[in-house]
């Protein structure tokens, strides 16, 4: 598999290094432990001849125009632009504009595109995600959803493959993406690499999402979050929430969908899960008591919700503390 890693000024140092390290380890294992030849031909390319990482380290790149063979995949590491204003500014940079055009050109030639974290904004801005599913850095999901309404975003997922490539979640999602690409070539090799690196492909980033952070993106949602926290034990009522917020049920539902990509009830349940996790990890309360604290009549319902949302049960959450 031929892979080009597209490096841009200000990229996330760890994102680039863990991507290159994962494929480097894969090639060494393939050549030594599995008795084969290296499976991945990886090059770092740029739309500029001089590229520096976010920490100021020079990154040796080959000019895109120097490559005589088109890659099978191009990977776009994230830029360090943690706020919507910074994302917008980066998308307007001349080098990023050239990179978007290069992605479109590559894609027209059949090259598949992979992007992690904030790099998904660059791919979306190039129009390559329109009409497709995607994931992104969960903390910027409301902004992504607002800017790219034609993209079906699910920030709870760590990896979302599509016909044009794959998108991955926040920060260390770069490593999940690299392991996923290795797995497409050899599941056995991917398993060995993950064991060497003490890393596994995660199916979800839901456990890392902070609902309070998402609520800050919109004044009405922020007030809905506050109301929800005050009523976790009482239970959810769309009509009661709308009345308390001086809005209509329809308006609250619409705004939640636009900002959060989910219903008011689904967000209310996110807050239940978050509070339940906190109690499980920080208190000696039994499951039935914790269930009552978040508005459920029995522990079985809470257990089912935790398993559905986090893929983990009460025992596994408590074992994290050991």
C-alpha atoms as a PDB file:
ATOM      1  CA  UNK A   1       0.000   0.000   0.000  1.00  0.00           C
ATOM      2  CA  UNK A   2       1.376   3.391  -1.018  1.00  0.00           C
ATOM      3  CA  UNK A   3       0.539   6.119   1.496  1.00  0.00           C
ATOM      4  CA  UNK A   4       1.211   9.852   1.263  1.00  0.00           C
ATOM      5  CA  UNK A   5       0.992  11.835   4.496  1.00  0.00           C
ATOM      6  CA  UNK A   6       0.110  15.421   3.640  1.00  0.00           C
ATOM      7  CA  UNK A   7       1.999  17.705   6.036  1.00  0.00           C
ATOM      8  CA  UNK A   8       0.968  21.314   6.623  1.00  0.00           C
ATOM      9  CA  UNK A   9       2.395  24.057   8.828  1.00  0.00           C
ATOM     10  CA  UNK A  10       1.178  23.868  12.399  1.00  0.00           C
ATOM     11  CA  UNK A  11       0.176  20.219  12.334  1.00  0.00           C
ATOM     12  CA  UNK A  12      -0.330  18.192  15.515  1.00  0.00           C
ATOM     13  CA  UNK A  13       3.129  16.748  16.253  1.00  0.00           C
ATOM     14  CA  UNK A  14       1.834  13.619  17.968  1.00  0.00           C
ATOM     15  CA  UNK A  15      -0.654  12.990  15.179  1.00  0.00           C
ATOM     16  CA  UNK A  16       2.106  12.878  12.573  1.00  0.00           C
ATOM     17  CA  UNK A  17       4.584  10.939  14.691  1.00  0.00           C
ATOM     18  CA  UNK A  18       2.176   8.225  15.882  1.00  0.00           C
ATOM     19  CA  UNK A  19       0.952   7.738  12.312  1.00  0.00           C
ATOM     20  CA  UNK A  20       4.484   7.281  10.993  1.00  0.00           C
ATOM     21  CA  UNK A  21       5.484   5.126  13.972  1.00  0.00           C
ATOM     22  CA  UNK A  22       2.508   2.793  13.519  1.00  0.00           C
ATOM     23  CA  UNK A  23       3.374   2.099   9.887  1.00  0.00           C
ATOM     24  CA  UNK A  24       7.081   1.847  10.758  1.00  0.00           C
ATOM     25  CA  UNK A  25       6.358  -0.800  13.389  1.00  0.00           C
ATOM     26  CA  UNK A  26       4.051  -2.600  10.957  1.00  0.00           C
ATOM     27  CA  UNK A  27       6.793  -2.795   8.345  1.00  0.00           C
ATOM     28  CA  UNK A  28       9.359  -4.088  10.846  1.00  0.00           C
ATOM     29  CA  UNK A  29       7.011  -6.745  12.175  1.00  0.00           C
ATOM     30  CA  UNK A  30       6.036  -7.761   8.662  1.00  0.00           C
ATOM     31  CA  UNK A  31       9.681  -8.114   7.622  1.00  0.00           C
ATOM     32  CA  UNK A  32      10.980  -9.826  10.751  1.00  0.00           C
ATOM     33  CA  UNK A  33       8.283 -11.526  12.770  1.00  0.00           C
ATOM     34  CA  UNK A  34       6.017 -12.507   9.877  1.00  0.00           C
ATOM     35  CA  UNK A  35       8.727 -13.363   7.365  1.00  0.00           C
ATOM     36  CA  UNK A  36       7.391 -11.042   4.690  1.00  0.00           C
ATOM     37  CA  UNK A  37       8.344  -7.779   3.071  1.00  0.00           C
ATOM     38  CA  UNK A  38       7.270  -4.327   4.284  1.00  0.00           C
ATOM     39  CA  UNK A  39       3.612  -3.751   3.439  1.00  0.00           C
ATOM     40  CA  UNK A  40       3.548   0.049   3.488  1.00  0.00           C
ATOM     41  CA  UNK A  41       5.398   2.566   1.360  1.00  0.00           C
ATOM     42  CA  UNK A  42       4.961   5.802   3.299  1.00  0.00           C
ATOM     43  CA  UNK A  43       6.109   9.257   2.195  1.00  0.00           C
ATOM     44  CA  UNK A  44       5.571  12.678   3.748  1.00  0.00           C
ATOM     45  CA  UNK A  45       4.559  15.218   1.134  1.00  0.00           C
ATOM     46  CA  UNK A  46       3.679  18.889   1.165  1.00  0.00           C
ATOM     47  CA  UNK A  47       2.198  21.621  -0.971  1.00  0.00           C
ATOM     48  CA  UNK A  48       5.103  23.777   0.271  1.00  0.00           C
ATOM     49  CA  UNK A  49       8.751  22.812   0.404  1.00  0.00           C
ATOM     50  CA  UNK A  50       9.198  24.014   3.974  1.00  0.00           C
ATOM     51  CA  UNK A  51       6.847  22.795   6.665  1.00  0.00           C
ATOM     52  CA  UNK A  52       7.034  23.166  10.435  1.00  0.00           C
ATOM     53  CA  UNK A  53       5.008  21.370  13.060  1.00  0.00           C
ATOM     54  CA  UNK A  54       3.000  23.119  15.758  1.00  0.00           C
ATOM     55  CA  UNK A  55       6.033  22.903  18.048  1.00  0.00           C
ATOM     56  CA  UNK A  56       8.259  24.446  15.410  1.00  0.00           C
ATOM     57  CA  UNK A  57      10.103  21.323  14.290  1.00  0.00           C
ATOM     58  CA  UNK A  58      11.022  21.275  10.588  1.00  0.00           C
ATOM     59  CA  UNK A  59       9.350  18.413   8.713  1.00  0.00           C
ATOM     60  CA  UNK A  60      11.214  17.053   5.696  1.00  0.00           C
ATOM     61  CA  UNK A  61       8.676  16.779   2.898  1.00  0.00           C
ATOM     62  CA  UNK A  62       8.667  15.914  -0.748  1.00  0.00           C
ATOM     63  CA  UNK A  63       6.809  18.284  -3.002  1.00  0.00           C
ATOM     64  CA  UNK A  64       3.533  16.778  -4.180  1.00  0.00           C
ATOM     65  CA  UNK A  65       4.599  17.497  -7.756  1.00  0.00           C
ATOM     66  CA  UNK A  66       7.731  15.352  -7.346  1.00  0.00           C
ATOM     67  CA  UNK A  67       5.757  12.165  -6.839  1.00  0.00           C
ATOM     68  CA  UNK A  68       5.516  10.196 -10.081  1.00  0.00           C
ATOM     69  CA  UNK A  69       3.207   7.491  -8.691  1.00  0.00           C
ATOM     70  CA  UNK A  70      -0.149   8.292  -7.212  1.00  0.00           C
ATOM     71  CA  UNK A  71      -0.692   6.930  -3.708  1.00  0.00           C
ATOM     72  CA  UNK A  72      -3.385   4.468  -2.746  1.00  0.00           C
ATOM     73  CA  UNK A  73      -4.188   6.592   0.303  1.00  0.00           C
ATOM     74  CA  UNK A  74      -3.458  10.112   1.450  1.00  0.00           C
ATOM     75  CA  UNK A  75      -3.555  10.799   5.191  1.00  0.00           C
ATOM     76  CA  UNK A  76      -4.153  14.328   6.465  1.00  0.00           C
ATOM     77  CA  UNK A  77      -2.944  14.914  10.047  1.00  0.00           C
ATOM     78  CA  UNK A  78      -4.761  17.517  12.133  1.00  0.00           C
ATOM     79  CA  UNK A  79      -3.751  21.138  12.492  1.00  0.00           C
ATOM     80  CA  UNK A  80      -3.632  22.526  16.023  1.00  0.00           C
ATOM     81  CA  UNK A  81      -6.624  24.844  15.772  1.00  0.00           C
ATOM     82  CA  UNK A  82      -8.762  24.099  18.832  1.00  0.00           C
ATOM     83  CA  UNK A  83     -11.380  26.838  18.412  1.00  0.00           C
ATOM     84  CA  UNK A  84     -13.868  27.599  15.608  1.00  0.00           C
ATOM     85  CA  UNK A  85     -12.179  30.943  14.865  1.00  0.00           C
ATOM     86  CA  UNK A  86      -8.807  29.251  14.501  1.00  0.00           C
ATOM     87  CA  UNK A  87     -10.276  26.557  12.272  1.00  0.00           C
ATOM     88  CA  UNK A  88     -11.820  29.177   9.998  1.00  0.00           C
ATOM     89  CA  UNK A  89      -8.546  31.103   9.786  1.00  0.00           C
ATOM     90  CA  UNK A  90      -6.593  27.950   8.929  1.00  0.00           C
ATOM     91  CA  UNK A  91      -9.055  26.952   6.189  1.00  0.00           C
ATOM     92  CA  UNK A  92      -8.394  30.269   4.459  1.00  0.00           C
ATOM     93  CA  UNK A  93      -4.611  29.922   4.485  1.00  0.00           C
ATOM     94  CA  UNK A  94      -3.065  29.747   0.982  1.00  0.00           C
ATOM     95  CA  UNK A  95      -1.273  26.470   1.704  1.00  0.00           C
ATOM     96  CA  UNK A  96      -4.459  24.894   3.072  1.00  0.00           C
ATOM     97  CA  UNK A  97      -6.398  26.116   0.030  1.00  0.00           C
ATOM     98  CA  UNK A  98      -3.791  24.423  -2.183  1.00  0.00           C
ATOM     99  CA  UNK A  99      -4.009  21.278  -0.057  1.00  0.00           C
ATOM    100  CA  UNK A 100      -7.795  21.139  -0.509  1.00  0.00           C
ATOM    101  CA  UNK A 101      -7.386  21.447  -4.276  1.00  0.00           C
ATOM    102  CA  UNK A 102      -4.770  18.681  -4.183  1.00  0.00           C
ATOM    103  CA  UNK A 103      -7.130  16.397  -2.266  1.00  0.00           C
ATOM    104  CA  UNK A 104      -9.841  16.957  -4.869  1.00  0.00           C
ATOM    105  CA  UNK A 105      -7.341  16.163  -7.632  1.00  0.00           C
ATOM    106  CA  UNK A 106      -6.153  13.023  -5.876  1.00  0.00           C
ATOM    107  CA  UNK A 107      -9.691  11.879  -5.238  1.00  0.00           C
ATOM    108  CA  UNK A 108     -10.565  12.350  -8.925  1.00  0.00           C
ATOM    109  CA  UNK A 109      -7.777   9.867  -9.669  1.00  0.00           C
ATOM    110  CA  UNK A 110      -9.192   7.302  -7.259  1.00  0.00           C
ATOM    111  CA  UNK A 111      -6.952   8.022  -4.268  1.00  0.00           C
ATOM    112  CA  UNK A 112      -8.695   7.380  -0.953  1.00  0.00           C
ATOM    113  CA  UNK A 113      -8.559  10.071   1.731  1.00  0.00           C
ATOM    114  CA  UNK A 114      -8.067   9.597   5.477  1.00  0.00           C
ATOM    115  CA  UNK A 115      -8.277  12.401   8.029  1.00  0.00           C
ATOM    116  CA  UNK A 116      -8.220  12.580  11.807  1.00  0.00           C
ATOM    117  CA  UNK A 117      -9.460  15.123  14.290  1.00  0.00           C
ATOM    118  CA  UNK A 118      -9.522  18.702  12.946  1.00  0.00           C
ATOM    119  CA  UNK A 119      -8.170  17.548   9.575  1.00  0.00           C
ATOM    120  CA  UNK A 120     -11.699  16.351   8.864  1.00  0.00           C
ATOM    121  CA  UNK A 121     -12.666  20.022   8.488  1.00  0.00           C
ATOM    122  CA  UNK A 122     -10.183  20.352   5.650  1.00  0.00           C
ATOM    123  CA  UNK A 123     -11.634  17.324   3.841  1.00  0.00           C
ATOM    124  CA  UNK A 124     -15.182  18.577   4.410  1.00  0.00           C
ATOM    125  CA  UNK A 125     -14.235  22.042   3.185  1.00  0.00           C
ATOM    126  CA  UNK A 126     -12.996  20.443  -0.033  1.00  0.00           C
ATOM    127  CA  UNK A 127     -16.523  19.078  -0.514  1.00  0.00           C
ATOM    128  CA  UNK A 128     -15.411  15.461  -0.302  1.00  0.00           C
ATOM    129  CA  UNK A 129     -17.689  14.553   2.613  1.00  0.00           C
ATOM    130  CA  UNK A 130     -20.932  15.978   1.232  1.00  0.00           C
ATOM    131  CA  UNK A 131     -23.705  13.379   1.390  1.00  0.00           C
ATOM    132  CA  UNK A 132     -21.524  11.049   3.448  1.00  0.00           C
ATOM    133  CA  UNK A 133     -21.140  10.031   7.072  1.00  0.00           C
ATOM    134  CA  UNK A 134     -18.181  11.321   9.072  1.00  0.00           C
ATOM    135  CA  UNK A 135     -16.764  11.817  12.532  1.00  0.00           C
ATOM    136  CA  UNK A 136     -14.494  14.560  13.860  1.00  0.00           C
ATOM    137  CA  UNK A 137     -12.976  16.069  16.973  1.00  0.00           C
ATOM    138  CA  UNK A 138     -15.938  15.764  19.351  1.00  0.00           C
ATOM    139  CA  UNK A 139     -15.272  19.169  20.950  1.00  0.00           C
ATOM    140  CA  UNK A 140     -15.879  20.929  17.626  1.00  0.00           C
ATOM    141  CA  UNK A 141     -18.826  18.810  16.534  1.00  0.00           C
ATOM    142  CA  UNK A 142     -21.458  21.570  16.898  1.00  0.00           C
ATOM    143  CA  UNK A 143     -19.350  23.901  14.726  1.00  0.00           C
ATOM    144  CA  UNK A 144     -18.720  21.134  12.178  1.00  0.00           C
ATOM    145  CA  UNK A 145     -22.439  20.363  12.021  1.00  0.00           C
ATOM    146  CA  UNK A 146     -23.279  24.043  11.517  1.00  0.00           C
ATOM    147  CA  UNK A 147     -20.662  24.587   8.807  1.00  0.00           C
ATOM    148  CA  UNK A 148     -21.230  21.357   6.873  1.00  0.00           C
ATOM    149  CA  UNK A 149     -24.955  20.521   7.010  1.00  0.00           C
ATOM    150  CA  UNK A 150     -24.591  18.225   3.990  1.00  0.00           C
ATOM    151  CA  UNK A 151     -22.378  15.869   6.042  1.00  0.00           C
ATOM    152  CA  UNK A 152     -24.001  13.266   8.301  1.00  0.00           C
ATOM    153  CA  UNK A 153     -21.886  13.714  11.422  1.00  0.00           C
ATOM    154  CA  UNK A 154     -21.685  11.225  14.287  1.00  0.00           C
ATOM    155  CA  UNK A 155     -19.002  12.406  16.683  1.00  0.00           C
ATOM    156  CA  UNK A 156     -19.619   9.483  19.029  1.00  0.00           C
ATOM    157  CA  UNK A 157     -17.842   7.167  16.565  1.00  0.00           C
ATOM    158  CA  UNK A 158     -14.067   6.882  16.486  1.00  0.00           C
ATOM    159  CA  UNK A 159     -13.837   5.751  12.856  1.00  0.00           C
ATOM    160  CA  UNK A 160     -16.244   6.226   9.967  1.00  0.00           C
ATOM    161  CA  UNK A 161     -15.274   4.515   6.686  1.00  0.00           C
ATOM    162  CA  UNK A 162     -16.987   5.635   3.475  1.00  0.00           C
ATOM    163  CA  UNK A 163     -16.565   5.136  -0.243  1.00  0.00           C
ATOM    164  CA  UNK A 164     -13.975   7.953  -0.448  1.00  0.00           C
ATOM    165  CA  UNK A 165     -11.894   6.966   2.579  1.00  0.00           C
ATOM    166  CA  UNK A 166     -12.200   7.262   6.341  1.00  0.00           C
ATOM    167  CA  UNK A 167     -12.496   9.923   9.043  1.00  0.00           C
ATOM    168  CA  UNK A 168     -11.325   9.507  12.631  1.00  0.00           C
ATOM    169  CA  UNK A 169     -12.000  11.178  15.953  1.00  0.00           C
ATOM    170  CA  UNK A 170     -10.073  13.545  18.179  1.00  0.00           C
ATOM    171  CA  UNK A 171      -6.353  13.716  18.903  1.00  0.00           C
ATOM    172  CA  UNK A 172      -5.153  10.133  19.358  1.00  0.00           C
ATOM    173  CA  UNK A 173      -7.693   9.056  16.761  1.00  0.00           C
ATOM    174  CA  UNK A 174      -4.663   9.357  14.464  1.00  0.00           C
ATOM    175  CA  UNK A 175      -3.415   6.074  15.929  1.00  0.00           C
ATOM    176  CA  UNK A 176      -6.815   4.401  15.592  1.00  0.00           C
ATOM    177  CA  UNK A 177      -6.848   5.462  11.949  1.00  0.00           C
ATOM    178  CA  UNK A 178      -3.365   4.048  11.293  1.00  0.00           C
ATOM    179  CA  UNK A 179      -4.274   0.734  12.934  1.00  0.00           C
ATOM    180  CA  UNK A 180      -7.487   0.611  10.886  1.00  0.00           C
ATOM    181  CA  UNK A 181      -5.532   1.070   7.651  1.00  0.00           C
ATOM    182  CA  UNK A 182      -3.073  -1.637   8.698  1.00  0.00           C
ATOM    183  CA  UNK A 183      -6.006  -3.939   9.413  1.00  0.00           C
ATOM    184  CA  UNK A 184      -7.344  -3.469   5.869  1.00  0.00           C
ATOM    185  CA  UNK A 185      -4.117  -5.061   4.639  1.00  0.00           C
ATOM    186  CA  UNK A 186      -3.660  -7.677   7.359  1.00  0.00           C
ATOM    187  CA  UNK A 187      -5.787  -8.177  10.488  1.00  0.00           C
ATOM    188  CA  UNK A 188      -3.030 -10.343  11.955  1.00  0.00           C
ATOM    189  CA  UNK A 189      -0.439  -7.608  11.424  1.00  0.00           C
ATOM    190  CA  UNK A 190      -2.732  -4.976  12.934  1.00  0.00           C
ATOM    191  CA  UNK A 191      -3.180  -7.140  16.031  1.00  0.00           C
ATOM    192  CA  UNK A 192       0.577  -7.499  16.443  1.00  0.00           C
ATOM    193  CA  UNK A 193       1.164  -3.763  15.968  1.00  0.00           C
ATOM    194  CA  UNK A 194      -1.510  -2.895  18.522  1.00  0.00           C
ATOM    195  CA  UNK A 195       0.125  -5.260  21.038  1.00  0.00           C
ATOM    196  CA  UNK A 196       3.573  -3.762  20.460  1.00  0.00           C
ATOM    197  CA  UNK A 197       2.187  -0.242  20.847  1.00  0.00           C
ATOM    198  CA  UNK A 198      -0.194  -1.123  23.718  1.00  0.00           C
ATOM    199  CA  UNK A 199      -3.029   0.348  21.685  1.00  0.00           C
ATOM    200  CA  UNK A 200      -6.292  -0.986  20.317  1.00  0.00           C
ATOM    201  CA  UNK A 201      -8.700   0.315  17.716  1.00  0.00           C
ATOM    202  CA  UNK A 202     -11.556   1.957  19.588  1.00  0.00           C
ATOM    203  CA  UNK A 203     -14.998   1.933  18.051  1.00  0.00           C
ATOM    204  CA  UNK A 204     -16.267   4.937  19.975  1.00  0.00           C
ATOM    205  CA  UNK A 205     -15.132   8.229  21.481  1.00  0.00           C
ATOM    206  CA  UNK A 206     -18.434   8.658  23.326  1.00  0.00           C
ATOM    207  CA  UNK A 207     -16.812   7.958  26.688  1.00  0.00           C
ATOM    208  CA  UNK A 208     -14.538  10.987  26.215  1.00  0.00           C
ATOM    209  CA  UNK A 209     -17.204  13.511  25.241  1.00  0.00           C
ATOM    210  CA  UNK A 210     -17.928  16.240  27.782  1.00  0.00           C
ATOM    211  CA  UNK A 211     -21.600  17.252  27.361  1.00  0.00           C
ATOM    212  CA  UNK A 212     -21.040  20.587  29.097  1.00  0.00           C
ATOM    213  CA  UNK A 213     -18.475  21.569  26.471  1.00  0.00           C
ATOM    214  CA  UNK A 214     -20.890  20.883  23.623  1.00  0.00           C
ATOM    215  CA  UNK A 215     -23.610  22.930  25.294  1.00  0.00           C
ATOM    216  CA  UNK A 216     -21.465  26.070  25.258  1.00  0.00           C
ATOM    217  CA  UNK A 217     -21.933  26.323  21.493  1.00  0.00           C
ATOM    218  CA  UNK A 218     -25.458  27.728  21.812  1.00  0.00           C
ATOM    219  CA  UNK A 219     -27.229  29.853  24.485  1.00  0.00           C
ATOM    220  CA  UNK A 220     -30.468  27.849  24.406  1.00  0.00           C
ATOM    221  CA  UNK A 221     -28.635  24.527  24.627  1.00  0.00           C
ATOM    222  CA  UNK A 222     -26.553  25.861  27.498  1.00  0.00           C
ATOM    223  CA  UNK A 223     -29.727  26.733  29.421  1.00  0.00           C
ATOM    224  CA  UNK A 224     -31.234  23.358  28.520  1.00  0.00           C
ATOM    225  CA  UNK A 225     -28.148  21.647  29.929  1.00  0.00           C
ATOM    226  CA  UNK A 226     -28.512  23.552  33.200  1.00  0.00           C
ATOM    227  CA  UNK A 227     -32.205  22.634  33.421  1.00  0.00           C
ATOM    228  CA  UNK A 228     -31.386  18.997  32.666  1.00  0.00           C
ATOM    229  CA  UNK A 229     -28.760  18.738  35.396  1.00  0.00           C
ATOM    230  CA  UNK A 230     -31.228  20.165  37.895  1.00  0.00           C
ATOM    231  CA  UNK A 231     -33.843  17.594  36.849  1.00  0.00           C
ATOM    232  CA  UNK A 232     -31.773  14.431  36.357  1.00  0.00           C
ATOM    233  CA  UNK A 233     -33.330  12.770  39.375  1.00  0.00           C
ATOM    234  CA  UNK A 234     -36.858  13.919  38.535  1.00  0.00           C
ATOM    235  CA  UNK A 235     -36.844  12.713  34.956  1.00  0.00           C
ATOM    236  CA  UNK A 236     -37.215  14.150  31.475  1.00  0.00           C
ATOM    237  CA  UNK A 237     -40.211  16.050  30.136  1.00  0.00           C
ATOM    238  CA  UNK A 238     -39.911  17.887  26.850  1.00  0.00           C
ATOM    239  CA  UNK A 239     -42.868  20.107  27.674  1.00  0.00           C
ATOM    240  CA  UNK A 240     -41.512  20.986  31.126  1.00  0.00           C
ATOM    241  CA  UNK A 241     -38.079  21.774  29.682  1.00  0.00           C
ATOM    242  CA  UNK A 242     -39.483  23.978  26.916  1.00  0.00           C
ATOM    243  CA  UNK A 243     -41.721  25.836  29.368  1.00  0.00           C
ATOM    244  CA  UNK A 244     -38.856  26.460  31.777  1.00  0.00           C
ATOM    245  CA  UNK A 245     -36.718  27.789  28.918  1.00  0.00           C
ATOM    246  CA  UNK A 246     -39.528  30.010  27.545  1.00  0.00           C
ATOM    247  CA  UNK A 247     -39.503  28.292  24.167  1.00  0.00           C
ATOM    248  CA  UNK A 248     -41.627  25.763  22.320  1.00  0.00           C
ATOM    249  CA  UNK A 249     -41.079  22.021  22.306  1.00  0.00           C
ATOM    250  CA  UNK A 250     -40.566  22.139  18.549  1.00  0.00           C
ATOM    251  CA  UNK A 251     -37.955  24.899  18.807  1.00  0.00           C
ATOM    252  CA  UNK A 252     -36.029  23.009  21.485  1.00  0.00           C
ATOM    253  CA  UNK A 253     -36.081  19.833  19.444  1.00  0.00           C
ATOM    254  CA  UNK A 254     -34.937  21.648  16.309  1.00  0.00           C
ATOM    255  CA  UNK A 255     -32.111  23.467  18.078  1.00  0.00           C
ATOM    256  CA  UNK A 256     -30.835  20.326  19.752  1.00  0.00           C
ATOM    257  CA  UNK A 257     -30.748  18.591  16.388  1.00  0.00           C
ATOM    258  CA  UNK A 258     -28.949  21.496  14.708  1.00  0.00           C
ATOM    259  CA  UNK A 259     -26.323  21.952  17.432  1.00  0.00           C
ATOM    260  CA  UNK A 260     -25.934  18.496  18.950  1.00  0.00           C
ATOM    261  CA  UNK A 261     -27.214  16.235  16.204  1.00  0.00           C
ATOM    262  CA  UNK A 262     -29.577  14.518  18.629  1.00  0.00           C
ATOM    263  CA  UNK A 263     -32.906  14.915  20.387  1.00  0.00           C
ATOM    264  CA  UNK A 264     -33.367  16.650  23.762  1.00  0.00           C
ATOM    265  CA  UNK A 265     -34.028  13.255  25.348  1.00  0.00           C
ATOM    266  CA  UNK A 266     -30.814  11.800  23.910  1.00  0.00           C
ATOM    267  CA  UNK A 267     -28.803  14.714  25.324  1.00  0.00           C
ATOM    268  CA  UNK A 268     -30.579  14.344  28.678  1.00  0.00           C
ATOM    269  CA  UNK A 269     -29.487  10.707  28.681  1.00  0.00           C
ATOM    270  CA  UNK A 270     -25.912  11.776  27.906  1.00  0.00           C
ATOM    271  CA  UNK A 271     -25.971  13.805  31.097  1.00  0.00           C
ATOM    272  CA  UNK A 272     -27.410  10.840  32.994  1.00  0.00           C
ATOM    273  CA  UNK A 273     -24.571   8.659  31.739  1.00  0.00           C
ATOM    274  CA  UNK A 274     -21.964  11.274  32.655  1.00  0.00           C
ATOM    275  CA  UNK A 275     -23.319  11.677  36.203  1.00  0.00           C
ATOM    276  CA  UNK A 276     -23.699   7.930  36.651  1.00  0.00           C
ATOM    277  CA  UNK A 277     -20.089   7.397  35.589  1.00  0.00           C
ATOM    278  CA  UNK A 278     -18.956   9.975  38.118  1.00  0.00           C
ATOM    279  CA  UNK A 279     -20.903   8.283  40.934  1.00  0.00           C
ATOM    280  CA  UNK A 280     -19.709   4.808  39.949  1.00  0.00           C
ATOM    281  CA  UNK A 281     -16.091   5.930  40.047  1.00  0.00           C
ATOM    282  CA  UNK A 282     -16.160   8.279  43.021  1.00  0.00           C
ATOM    283  CA  UNK A 283     -18.686   6.821  45.447  1.00  0.00           C
ATOM    284  CA  UNK A 284     -19.383   3.552  47.159  1.00  0.00           C
ATOM    285  CA  UNK A 285     -23.052   3.669  46.222  1.00  0.00           C
ATOM    286  CA  UNK A 286     -24.646   0.526  44.842  1.00  0.00           C
ATOM    287  CA  UNK A 287     -26.083   0.482  41.320  1.00  0.00           C
ATOM    288  CA  UNK A 288     -29.699   0.739  42.440  1.00  0.00           C
ATOM    289  CA  UNK A 289     -28.974   3.912  44.403  1.00  0.00           C
ATOM    290  CA  UNK A 290     -27.011   5.430  41.526  1.00  0.00           C
ATOM    291  CA  UNK A 291     -29.859   4.594  39.148  1.00  0.00           C
ATOM    292  CA  UNK A 292     -32.276   6.472  41.394  1.00  0.00           C
ATOM    293  CA  UNK A 293     -29.913   9.462  41.486  1.00  0.00           C
ATOM    294  CA  UNK A 294     -30.097   9.795  37.690  1.00  0.00           C
ATOM    295  CA  UNK A 295     -33.826   9.197  37.421  1.00  0.00           C
ATOM    296  CA  UNK A 296     -34.118   5.463  36.761  1.00  0.00           C
ATOM    297  CA  UNK A 297     -36.327   3.117  38.695  1.00  0.00           C
ATOM    298  CA  UNK A 298     -33.900   0.204  38.678  1.00  0.00           C
ATOM    299  CA  UNK A 299     -30.268  -0.640  38.131  1.00  0.00           C
ATOM    300  CA  UNK A 300     -30.943  -2.866  35.119  1.00  0.00           C
ATOM    301  CA  UNK A 301     -32.062   0.120  33.042  1.00  0.00           C
ATOM    302  CA  UNK A 302     -28.914   2.026  33.972  1.00  0.00           C
ATOM    303  CA  UNK A 303     -26.699  -0.947  33.190  1.00  0.00           C
ATOM    304  CA  UNK A 304     -28.293  -1.265  29.757  1.00  0.00           C
ATOM    305  CA  UNK A 305     -27.812   2.449  29.039  1.00  0.00           C
ATOM    306  CA  UNK A 306     -24.145   2.369  30.058  1.00  0.00           C
ATOM    307  CA  UNK A 307     -23.529  -0.675  27.896  1.00  0.00           C
ATOM    308  CA  UNK A 308     -25.331   0.902  24.953  1.00  0.00           C
ATOM    309  CA  UNK A 309     -23.603   4.285  25.196  1.00  0.00           C
ATOM    310  CA  UNK A 310     -20.123   3.330  26.393  1.00  0.00           C
ATOM    311  CA  UNK A 311     -19.783  -0.317  25.474  1.00  0.00           C
ATOM    312  CA  UNK A 312     -18.853  -0.949  29.103  1.00  0.00           C
ATOM    313  CA  UNK A 313     -20.595  -2.080  32.247  1.00  0.00           C
ATOM    314  CA  UNK A 314     -20.465  -0.990  35.885  1.00  0.00           C
ATOM    315  CA  UNK A 315     -17.769  -3.501  36.816  1.00  0.00           C
ATOM    316  CA  UNK A 316     -15.517  -2.357  33.966  1.00  0.00           C
ATOM    317  CA  UNK A 317     -15.959   1.327  34.862  1.00  0.00           C
ATOM    318  CA  UNK A 318     -15.039   0.631  38.469  1.00  0.00           C
ATOM    319  CA  UNK A 319     -12.036  -1.462  37.437  1.00  0.00           C
ATOM    320  CA  UNK A 320     -10.555   1.661  35.814  1.00  0.00           C
ATOM    321  CA  UNK A 321      -9.770   2.876  39.308  1.00  0.00           C
ATOM    322  CA  UNK A 322      -7.701  -0.185  40.225  1.00  0.00           C
END
